[in-house]
Amino acid sequence: NPMSYVNREHLQYFYFTGRIIGKAIYDGHVLEAFFTRGFYKHMLGMKVLPADLEAFDPEYFSNLRWALENDITDVLDLTFTAESDEFGVQKTTDLIENGHDIAVTEENKR
């Protein structure tokens, strides 16, 4: 979570959660907790692909796939930025250098 930094001890929560899960597995308990396919692949050192997003957020994945498979000229007005909300303040982050000035086009969308 990009907002984790608001709690200086946030990494200790991950450590604690990992210890609890590890102890449960060691003791042979079945956990009613599930991770996403991308998370499992990351833990196994496998490459996480955009298609792994489908299991986590099907609507977002569908929209991304549509944009890749269709001509977006004069349909989408996108730049190489990501927008986020940090406690009510809208923040725009460049995904590449000067991304706010670079339009996503048919030529560069992949």
Foldseek 3Di string as FASTA:
>chain_A
DVQQVVDVCSVVVVVVVVVVVVVCVVVPHDDPDDDQPQVVCVVVVHDRDLVSCCRVPVVVSVVLVCPLVDFCVVPDWDWQWDWDADPNDIDIGHNDVVRVPGTDGNVHVD
